[in-house]
Amino acid sequence: MSRRRLVNLLGFRTYNPRTHATYEIGKELVVPRGQSVYDPEVFGRYDRATQQVVRRSGLEDGMWEIGFDEMLYDAQLEALRRPEAVVRDRYGLVLSLLGPGVGICLDACTGSPDPGVRTRVEGLGYTHVPIDIDGDDNVVRREDIRALSFADGSIAVIISLDTLEHVEEYALALVEFSRVLEPGGILAVHVPTYFFDRERSAPLDPRRDPWGHVRYFSGRELVEARAAGLSPLRVQLHLDYGAMLCVAARPVGESG
């Protein structure tokens, strides 16, 4: 009996593009085709029997050929076994990378800032200014990151943690971040990253996403922040919870 006939008799399909897409820690999440970490049109067929991606031929060489997306399962499984193994606090990760300085640290993250974050930021010498498009005016400064009211070159540090995935025109925000940063200023962006290897992110209906995200972010796309006039300094892939931290700078010597 042929393998094809055996598969048909058993009713088993290694990949059903109408019903199956992203897989995480043995759990199937049904999402639209074209929005999967294991999108067969991008990476190849996902074999459910072996939990491996059968890669398409002709994919480019280089760093992205490592196949970060294929590493997610093992990383997340290990994180479940040993949740204390690595630091997962977003602010802790970012602030550990910042040295002492002066000027404004723009915290473009939340309408309810953590007092502990202010203490840590001010401990580095910066003035902590939390902003949000909504929230209590007595707690945060109301700003739209796509059209900031700050002057050119007036900000020393910008922290944007899990914000851009909620913004349709996130590229405009990157341009604004670059505009208001002083020469040598630092931008730290953290986003949930569903694709590491894919060239572009995929749109997502926020009504279908439990966190209201408008896109499945691509790690590669974020690294290309230099298109907004920024120079990436450090990129960290957090495979254990599907995220990326990109630290970039506005090059010294450039003016608005």
C-alpha atoms as a PDB file:
ATOM      1  CA  MET A   1       0.000   0.000   0.000  1.00  0.00           C
ATOM      2  CA  SER A   2       1.351   3.411  -0.948  1.00  0.00           C
ATOM      3  CA  ARG A   3       2.118   5.993   1.739  1.00  0.00           C
ATOM      4  CA  ARG A   4      -0.340   8.421   0.096  1.00  0.00           C
ATOM      5  CA  ARG A   5      -3.154   5.848   0.293  1.00  0.00           C
ATOM      6  CA  LEU A   6      -2.273   5.006   3.889  1.00  0.00           C
ATOM      7  CA  VAL A   7      -2.414   8.664   4.870  1.00  0.00           C
ATOM      8  CA  ASN A   8      -5.780   9.048   3.156  1.00  0.00           C
ATOM      9  CA  LEU A   9      -7.166   6.000   4.926  1.00  0.00           C
ATOM     10  CA  LEU A  10      -6.019   7.222   8.313  1.00  0.00           C
ATOM     11  CA  GLY A  11      -7.434  10.661   7.664  1.00  0.00           C
ATOM     12  CA  PHE A  12      -4.147  12.234   8.757  1.00  0.00           C
ATOM     13  CA  ARG A  13      -2.743  15.340   7.081  1.00  0.00           C
ATOM     14  CA  THR A  14       0.649  16.702   8.023  1.00  0.00           C
ATOM     15  CA  TYR A  15      -0.476  20.251   7.367  1.00  0.00           C
ATOM     16  CA  ASN A  16      -3.956  21.528   6.678  1.00  0.00           C
ATOM     17  CA  PRO A  17      -3.662  25.169   5.534  1.00  0.00           C
ATOM     18  CA  ARG A  18      -7.382  25.754   6.043  1.00  0.00           C
ATOM     19  CA  THR A  19      -7.356  24.994   9.738  1.00  0.00           C
ATOM     20  CA  HIS A  20      -3.809  24.871  11.072  1.00  0.00           C
ATOM     21  CA  ALA A  21      -1.090  27.443  11.319  1.00  0.00           C
ATOM     22  CA  THR A  22       0.944  28.512  14.336  1.00  0.00           C
ATOM     23  CA  TYR A  23       2.032  25.835  16.801  1.00  0.00           C
ATOM     24  CA  GLU A  24       3.332  26.537  20.297  1.00  0.00           C
ATOM     25  CA  ILE A  25       4.287  24.103  23.007  1.00  0.00           C
ATOM     26  CA  GLY A  26       2.197  21.339  21.523  1.00  0.00           C
ATOM     27  CA  LYS A  27      -0.898  23.531  21.316  1.00  0.00           C
ATOM     28  CA  GLU A  28      -2.454  24.379  17.976  1.00  0.00           C
ATOM     29  CA  LEU A  29      -3.639  27.934  17.409  1.00  0.00           C
ATOM     30  CA  VAL A  30      -5.973  28.396  14.478  1.00  0.00           C
ATOM     31  CA  VAL A  31      -5.069  31.621  12.695  1.00  0.00           C
ATOM     32  CA  PRO A  32      -5.609  32.784   9.124  1.00  0.00           C
ATOM     33  CA  ARG A  33      -3.289  31.482   6.469  1.00  0.00           C
ATOM     34  CA  GLY A  34      -0.401  33.850   5.849  1.00  0.00           C
ATOM     35  CA  GLN A  35      -0.075  34.713   9.549  1.00  0.00           C
ATOM     36  CA  SER A  36       1.763  31.674  10.799  1.00  0.00           C
ATOM     37  CA  VAL A  37       5.249  31.210  12.151  1.00  0.00           C
ATOM     38  CA  TYR A  38       5.215  28.062  10.051  1.00  0.00           C
ATOM     39  CA  ASP A  39       3.649  29.574   6.957  1.00  0.00           C
ATOM     40  CA  PRO A  40       4.312  27.032   4.182  1.00  0.00           C
ATOM     41  CA  GLU A  41       4.403  29.780   1.590  1.00  0.00           C
ATOM     42  CA  VAL A  42       7.312  31.372   3.441  1.00  0.00           C
ATOM     43  CA  PHE A  43       9.267  28.623   5.155  1.00  0.00           C
ATOM     44  CA  GLY A  44       7.958  25.303   3.905  1.00  0.00           C
ATOM     45  CA  ARG A  45       5.579  22.605   5.079  1.00  0.00           C
ATOM     46  CA  TYR A  46       5.211  21.947   8.804  1.00  0.00           C
ATOM     47  CA  ASP A  47       5.300  18.229   9.496  1.00  0.00           C
ATOM     48  CA  ARG A  48       3.083  17.574  12.524  1.00  0.00           C
ATOM     49  CA  ALA A  49       4.457  14.069  12.935  1.00  0.00           C
ATOM     50  CA  THR A  50       8.043  15.204  13.514  1.00  0.00           C
ATOM     51  CA  GLN A  51       7.271  18.802  14.557  1.00  0.00           C
ATOM     52  CA  GLN A  52       9.802  20.014  12.024  1.00  0.00           C
ATOM     53  CA  VAL A  53       9.592  22.460   9.156  1.00  0.00           C
ATOM     54  CA  VAL A  54      10.362  20.903   5.785  1.00  0.00           C
ATOM     55  CA  ARG A  55      12.122  23.906   4.317  1.00  0.00           C
ATOM     56  CA  ARG A  56      11.508  25.238   0.856  1.00  0.00           C
ATOM     57  CA  SER A  57      14.464  25.188  -1.495  1.00  0.00           C
ATOM     58  CA  GLY A  58      16.114  28.400  -2.608  1.00  0.00           C
ATOM     59  CA  LEU A  59      15.975  30.248   0.703  1.00  0.00           C
ATOM     60  CA  GLU A  60      18.729  32.787   1.155  1.00  0.00           C
ATOM     61  CA  ASP A  61      21.902  32.095   3.101  1.00  0.00           C
ATOM     62  CA  GLY A  62      23.220  34.159   5.950  1.00  0.00           C
ATOM     63  CA  MET A  63      22.133  34.793   9.516  1.00  0.00           C
ATOM     64  CA  TRP A  64      18.439  34.377   8.787  1.00  0.00           C
ATOM     65  CA  GLU A  65      19.000  30.921   7.349  1.00  0.00           C
ATOM     66  CA  ILE A  66      19.687  29.732  10.908  1.00  0.00           C
ATOM     67  CA  GLY A  67      15.933  29.324  11.258  1.00  0.00           C
ATOM     68  CA  PHE A  68      15.051  31.212  14.420  1.00  0.00           C
ATOM     69  CA  ASP A  69      11.377  30.369  13.988  1.00  0.00           C
ATOM     70  CA  GLU A  70      12.151  26.672  14.258  1.00  0.00           C
ATOM     71  CA  MET A  71      13.852  27.193  17.632  1.00  0.00           C
ATOM     72  CA  LEU A  72      10.759  28.591  19.347  1.00  0.00           C
ATOM     73  CA  TYR A  73       9.287  25.290  20.473  1.00  0.00           C
ATOM     74  CA  ASP A  74      12.348  24.024  22.366  1.00  0.00           C
ATOM     75  CA  ALA A  75      13.042  27.435  23.901  1.00  0.00           C
ATOM     76  CA  GLN A  76       9.496  27.852  25.191  1.00  0.00           C
ATOM     77  CA  LEU A  77       9.376  24.291  26.502  1.00  0.00           C
ATOM     78  CA  GLU A  78      12.592  24.822  28.466  1.00  0.00           C
ATOM     79  CA  ALA A  79      11.284  28.141  29.811  1.00  0.00           C
ATOM     80  CA  LEU A  80       8.230  26.318  31.162  1.00  0.00           C
ATOM     81  CA  ARG A  81      10.467  23.793  32.891  1.00  0.00           C
ATOM     82  CA  ARG A  82      12.742  26.441  34.412  1.00  0.00           C
ATOM     83  CA  PRO A  83      10.933  29.800  34.534  1.00  0.00           C
ATOM     84  CA  GLU A  84      13.646  31.269  36.751  1.00  0.00           C
ATOM     85  CA  ALA A  85      16.445  30.493  34.284  1.00  0.00           C
ATOM     86  CA  VAL A  86      16.576  33.882  32.547  1.00  0.00           C
ATOM     87  CA  VAL A  87      15.442  37.424  33.287  1.00  0.00           C
ATOM     88  CA  ARG A  88      12.117  38.116  31.560  1.00  0.00           C
ATOM     89  CA  ASP A  89      11.328  41.554  32.983  1.00  0.00           C
ATOM     90  CA  ARG A  90      11.288  43.942  30.031  1.00  0.00           C
ATOM     91  CA  TYR A  91      12.310  47.023  31.978  1.00  0.00           C
ATOM     92  CA  GLY A  92      15.010  45.085  33.784  1.00  0.00           C
ATOM     93  CA  LEU A  93      16.482  43.979  30.463  1.00  0.00           C
ATOM     94  CA  VAL A  94      16.421  47.456  28.952  1.00  0.00           C
ATOM     95  CA  LEU A  95      17.659  49.398  31.947  1.00  0.00           C
ATOM     96  CA  SER A  96      20.520  46.952  32.440  1.00  0.00           C
ATOM     97  CA  LEU A  97      21.796  48.006  29.013  1.00  0.00           C
ATOM     98  CA  LEU A  98      21.679  51.760  29.708  1.00  0.00           C
ATOM     99  CA  GLY A  99      24.580  53.612  31.222  1.00  0.00           C
ATOM    100  CA  PRO A 100      24.361  56.762  33.361  1.00  0.00           C
ATOM    101  CA  GLY A 101      23.270  59.926  31.580  1.00  0.00           C
ATOM    102  CA  VAL A 102      21.291  63.135  31.697  1.00  0.00           C
ATOM    103  CA  GLY A 103      18.211  64.453  29.935  1.00  0.00           C
ATOM    104  CA  ILE A 104      14.725  63.122  29.334  1.00  0.00           C
ATOM    105  CA  CYS A 105      13.968  59.413  29.250  1.00  0.00           C
ATOM    106  CA  LEU A 106      10.699  59.080  27.347  1.00  0.00           C
ATOM    107  CA  ASP A 107       8.804  56.019  28.534  1.00  0.00           C
ATOM    108  CA  ALA A 108       6.362  55.249  25.709  1.00  0.00           C
ATOM    109  CA  CYS A 109       4.908  52.138  27.261  1.00  0.00           C
ATOM    110  CA  THR A 110       1.926  52.431  29.523  1.00  0.00           C
ATOM    111  CA  GLY A 111      -0.784  54.654  30.901  1.00  0.00           C
ATOM    112  CA  SER A 112      -0.044  53.280  34.385  1.00  0.00           C
ATOM    113  CA  PRO A 113       3.722  53.671  34.950  1.00  0.00           C
ATOM    114  CA  ASP A 114       5.401  51.584  37.613  1.00  0.00           C
ATOM    115  CA  PRO A 115       6.919  53.783  40.349  1.00  0.00           C
ATOM    116  CA  GLY A 116       9.834  51.368  40.531  1.00  0.00           C
ATOM    117  CA  VAL A 117      10.724  52.126  36.916  1.00  0.00           C
ATOM    118  CA  ARG A 118      10.870  55.851  37.644  1.00  0.00           C
ATOM    119  CA  THR A 119      13.205  55.151  40.561  1.00  0.00           C
ATOM    120  CA  ARG A 120      15.535  53.072  38.394  1.00  0.00           C
ATOM    121  CA  VAL A 121      15.514  55.578  35.527  1.00  0.00           C
ATOM    122  CA  GLU A 122      16.200  58.518  37.815  1.00  0.00           C
ATOM    123  CA  GLY A 123      18.917  56.472  39.495  1.00  0.00           C
ATOM    124  CA  LEU A 124      20.739  56.524  36.137  1.00  0.00           C
ATOM    125  CA  GLY A 125      20.484  60.314  36.062  1.00  0.00           C
ATOM    126  CA  TYR A 126      17.600  60.773  33.607  1.00  0.00           C
ATOM    127  CA  THR A 127      14.283  62.566  34.015  1.00  0.00           C
ATOM    128  CA  HIS A 128      11.500  59.992  33.630  1.00  0.00           C
ATOM    129  CA  VAL A 129       8.628  61.182  31.406  1.00  0.00           C
ATOM    130  CA  PRO A 130       5.948  58.511  30.824  1.00  0.00           C
ATOM    131  CA  ILE A 131       3.661  59.068  27.829  1.00  0.00           C
ATOM    132  CA  ASP A 132       0.580  57.320  26.490  1.00  0.00           C
ATOM    133  CA  ILE A 133      -2.153  58.063  23.980  1.00  0.00           C
ATOM    134  CA  ASP A 134      -4.713  57.474  26.765  1.00  0.00           C
ATOM    135  CA  GLY A 135      -4.579  57.508  30.536  1.00  0.00           C
ATOM    136  CA  ASP A 136      -4.721  59.870  33.474  1.00  0.00           C
ATOM    137  CA  ASP A 137      -3.265  63.290  32.604  1.00  0.00           C
ATOM    138  CA  ASN A 138      -2.055  63.570  36.182  1.00  0.00           C
ATOM    139  CA  VAL A 139       0.027  60.426  35.759  1.00  0.00           C
ATOM    140  CA  VAL A 140       1.229  60.415  32.148  1.00  0.00           C
ATOM    141  CA  ARG A 141       1.750  62.986  29.436  1.00  0.00           C
ATOM    142  CA  ARG A 142      -0.750  62.341  26.664  1.00  0.00           C
ATOM    143  CA  GLU A 143       1.085  61.847  23.371  1.00  0.00           C
ATOM    144  CA  ASP A 144       0.623  60.112  20.027  1.00  0.00           C
ATOM    145  CA  ILE A 145       3.939  58.464  19.159  1.00  0.00           C
ATOM    146  CA  ARG A 146       3.182  58.975  15.467  1.00  0.00           C
ATOM    147  CA  ALA A 147       3.205  62.776  16.008  1.00  0.00           C
ATOM    148  CA  LEU A 148       5.140  63.686  19.148  1.00  0.00           C
ATOM    149  CA  SER A 149       4.967  67.248  20.470  1.00  0.00           C
ATOM    150  CA  PHE A 150       8.613  67.253  21.599  1.00  0.00           C
ATOM    151  CA  ALA A 151      11.190  69.397  19.813  1.00  0.00           C
ATOM    152  CA  ASP A 152      13.802  67.946  17.486  1.00  0.00           C
ATOM    153  CA  GLY A 153      16.793  66.496  19.298  1.00  0.00           C
ATOM    154  CA  SER A 154      15.313  67.045  22.752  1.00  0.00           C
ATOM    155  CA  ILE A 155      15.208  63.473  24.131  1.00  0.00           C
ATOM    156  CA  ALA A 156      18.141  61.467  25.488  1.00  0.00           C
ATOM    157  CA  VAL A 157      16.507  58.016  25.744  1.00  0.00           C
ATOM    158  CA  ILE A 158      13.261  56.491  24.475  1.00  0.00           C
ATOM    159  CA  ILE A 159      11.891  53.248  25.867  1.00  0.00           C
ATOM    160  CA  SER A 160       9.085  51.641  23.850  1.00  0.00           C
ATOM    161  CA  LEU A 161       8.124  48.292  25.314  1.00  0.00           C
ATOM    162  CA  ASP A 162       5.312  46.307  23.684  1.00  0.00           C
ATOM    163  CA  THR A 163       3.794  49.390  22.079  1.00  0.00           C
ATOM    164  CA  LEU A 164       4.495  49.285  18.335  1.00  0.00           C
ATOM    165  CA  GLU A 165       2.474  46.105  17.789  1.00  0.00           C
ATOM    166  CA  HIS A 166      -0.620  48.174  18.668  1.00  0.00           C
ATOM    167  CA  VAL A 167       0.139  50.930  16.128  1.00  0.00           C
ATOM    168  CA  GLU A 168      -0.951  50.578  12.510  1.00  0.00           C
ATOM    169  CA  GLU A 169       1.541  53.145  11.210  1.00  0.00           C
ATOM    170  CA  TYR A 170       4.409  51.996  13.406  1.00  0.00           C
ATOM    171  CA  ALA A 171       6.998  53.213  10.844  1.00  0.00           C
ATOM    172  CA  LEU A 172       5.810  56.783  11.512  1.00  0.00           C
ATOM    173  CA  ALA A 173       6.539  56.235  15.199  1.00  0.00           C
ATOM    174  CA  LEU A 174      10.098  55.155  14.406  1.00  0.00           C
ATOM    175  CA  VAL A 175      10.587  58.304  12.329  1.00  0.00           C
ATOM    176  CA  GLU A 176       9.250  60.415  15.197  1.00  0.00           C
ATOM    177  CA  PHE A 177      11.502  58.648  17.696  1.00  0.00           C
ATOM    178  CA  SER A 178      14.472  59.411  15.463  1.00  0.00           C
ATOM    179  CA  ARG A 179      13.429  63.068  15.087  1.00  0.00           C
ATOM    180  CA  VAL A 180      13.151  63.829  18.792  1.00  0.00           C
ATOM    181  CA  LEU A 181      16.275  61.900  19.838  1.00  0.00           C
ATOM    182  CA  GLU A 182      19.389  63.967  20.380  1.00  0.00           C
ATOM    183  CA  PRO A 183      22.508  62.918  18.443  1.00  0.00           C
ATOM    184  CA  GLY A 184      23.779  59.836  20.214  1.00  0.00           C
ATOM    185  CA  GLY A 185      20.382  59.315  21.836  1.00  0.00           C
ATOM    186  CA  ILE A 186      19.233  55.760  22.489  1.00  0.00           C
ATOM    187  CA  LEU A 187      16.005  54.014  21.507  1.00  0.00           C
ATOM    188  CA  ALA A 188      15.050  50.676  23.056  1.00  0.00           C
ATOM    189  CA  VAL A 189      12.147  48.886  21.339  1.00  0.00           C
ATOM    190  CA  HIS A 190      10.661  45.624  22.598  1.00  0.00           C
ATOM    191  CA  VAL A 191       7.913  43.872  20.635  1.00  0.00           C
ATOM    192  CA  PRO A 192       6.371  40.400  20.575  1.00  0.00           C
ATOM    193  CA  THR A 193       7.904  38.823  17.503  1.00  0.00           C
ATOM    194  CA  TYR A 194       5.965  36.082  15.764  1.00  0.00           C
ATOM    195  CA  PHE A 195       8.378  35.857  12.850  1.00  0.00           C
ATOM    196  CA  PHE A 196      12.151  36.168  13.132  1.00  0.00           C
ATOM    197  CA  ASP A 197      13.139  35.153   9.613  1.00  0.00           C
ATOM    198  CA  ARG A 198      10.278  36.552   7.563  1.00  0.00           C
ATOM    199  CA  GLU A 199      10.993  39.737   5.609  1.00  0.00           C
ATOM    200  CA  ARG A 200       7.817  41.570   6.573  1.00  0.00           C
ATOM    201  CA  SER A 201       5.226  41.428   9.316  1.00  0.00           C
ATOM    202  CA  ALA A 202       1.697  40.195   8.704  1.00  0.00           C
ATOM    203  CA  PRO A 203      -1.452  42.213   9.450  1.00  0.00           C
ATOM    204  CA  LEU A 204      -3.709  41.056  12.254  1.00  0.00           C
ATOM    205  CA  ASP A 205      -7.260  41.958  13.131  1.00  0.00           C
ATOM    206  CA  PRO A 206      -6.999  43.354  16.698  1.00  0.00           C
ATOM    207  CA  ARG A 207     -10.522  42.112  17.403  1.00  0.00           C
ATOM    208  CA  ARG A 208      -9.258  38.540  17.016  1.00  0.00           C
ATOM    209  CA  ASP A 209      -6.134  38.978  19.088  1.00  0.00           C
ATOM    210  CA  PRO A 210      -6.437  38.714  22.901  1.00  0.00           C
ATOM    211  CA  TRP A 211      -3.947  41.572  23.319  1.00  0.00           C
ATOM    212  CA  GLY A 212      -5.318  43.807  20.565  1.00  0.00           C
ATOM    213  CA  HIS A 213      -2.220  43.532  18.365  1.00  0.00           C
ATOM    214  CA  VAL A 214      -2.524  44.838  14.812  1.00  0.00           C
ATOM    215  CA  ARG A 215       0.351  42.802  13.379  1.00  0.00           C
ATOM    216  CA  TYR A 216       2.432  39.692  13.742  1.00  0.00           C
ATOM    217  CA  PHE A 217       5.779  41.454  13.955  1.00  0.00           C
ATOM    218  CA  SER A 218       8.823  40.367  11.974  1.00  0.00           C
ATOM    219  CA  GLY A 219      12.178  40.525  13.693  1.00  0.00           C
ATOM    220  CA  ARG A 220      13.961  41.299  10.460  1.00  0.00           C
ATOM    221  CA  GLU A 221      11.688  44.266   9.849  1.00  0.00           C
ATOM    222  CA  LEU A 222      12.544  45.755  13.210  1.00  0.00           C
ATOM    223  CA  VAL A 223      16.281  45.406  12.639  1.00  0.00           C
ATOM    224  CA  GLU A 224      15.819  47.589   9.573  1.00  0.00           C
ATOM    225  CA  ALA A 225      15.100  50.567  11.856  1.00  0.00           C
ATOM    226  CA  ARG A 226      18.008  52.288  10.109  1.00  0.00           C
ATOM    227  CA  ALA A 227      15.484  53.241   7.444  1.00  0.00           C
ATOM    228  CA  ALA A 228      14.181  55.753  10.000  1.00  0.00           C
ATOM    229  CA  GLY A 229      17.666  57.219  10.471  1.00  0.00           C
ATOM    230  CA  LEU A 230      18.624  54.973  13.383  1.00  0.00           C
ATOM    231  CA  SER A 231      21.598  52.643  13.777  1.00  0.00           C
ATOM    232  CA  PRO A 232      20.871  49.334  15.548  1.00  0.00           C
ATOM    233  CA  LEU A 233      23.397  48.679  18.315  1.00  0.00           C
ATOM    234  CA  ARG A 234      22.083  45.467  19.820  1.00  0.00           C
ATOM    235  CA  VAL A 235      19.393  42.945  18.971  1.00  0.00           C
ATOM    236  CA  GLN A 236      18.243  40.259  21.385  1.00  0.00           C
ATOM    237  CA  LEU A 237      15.888  37.474  20.361  1.00  0.00           C
ATOM    238  CA  HIS A 238      13.812  36.186  23.248  1.00  0.00           C
ATOM    239  CA  LEU A 239      12.787  32.831  21.902  1.00  0.00           C
ATOM    240  CA  ASP A 240      11.395  31.710  25.251  1.00  0.00           C
ATOM    241  CA  TYR A 241       8.489  34.122  24.974  1.00  0.00           C
ATOM    242  CA  GLY A 242       8.594  35.120  21.320  1.00  0.00           C
ATOM    243  CA  ALA A 243       9.928  38.664  21.508  1.00  0.00           C
ATOM    244  CA  MET A 244      12.725  40.891  20.327  1.00  0.00           C
ATOM    245  CA  LEU A 245      14.589  43.774  21.922  1.00  0.00           C
ATOM    246  CA  CYS A 246      16.272  46.184  19.530  1.00  0.00           C
ATOM    247  CA  VAL A 247      18.502  48.949  20.891  1.00  0.00           C
ATOM    248  CA  ALA A 248      19.325  51.637  18.339  1.00  0.00           C
ATOM    249  CA  ALA A 249      20.966  55.050  18.362  1.00  0.00           C
ATOM    250  CA  ARG A 250      20.629  58.249  16.460  1.00  0.00           C
ATOM    251  CA  PRO A 251      24.068  58.666  14.885  1.00  0.00           C
ATOM    252  CA  VAL A 252      26.277  61.355  16.393  1.00  0.00           C
ATOM    253  CA  GLY A 253      26.933  64.252  14.057  1.00  0.00           C
ATOM    254  CA  GLU A 254      23.459  64.275  12.520  1.00  0.00           C
ATOM    255  CA  SER A 255      21.119  67.202  13.049  1.00  0.00           C
ATOM    256  CA  GLY A 256      17.386  67.427  12.537  1.00  0.00           C
END
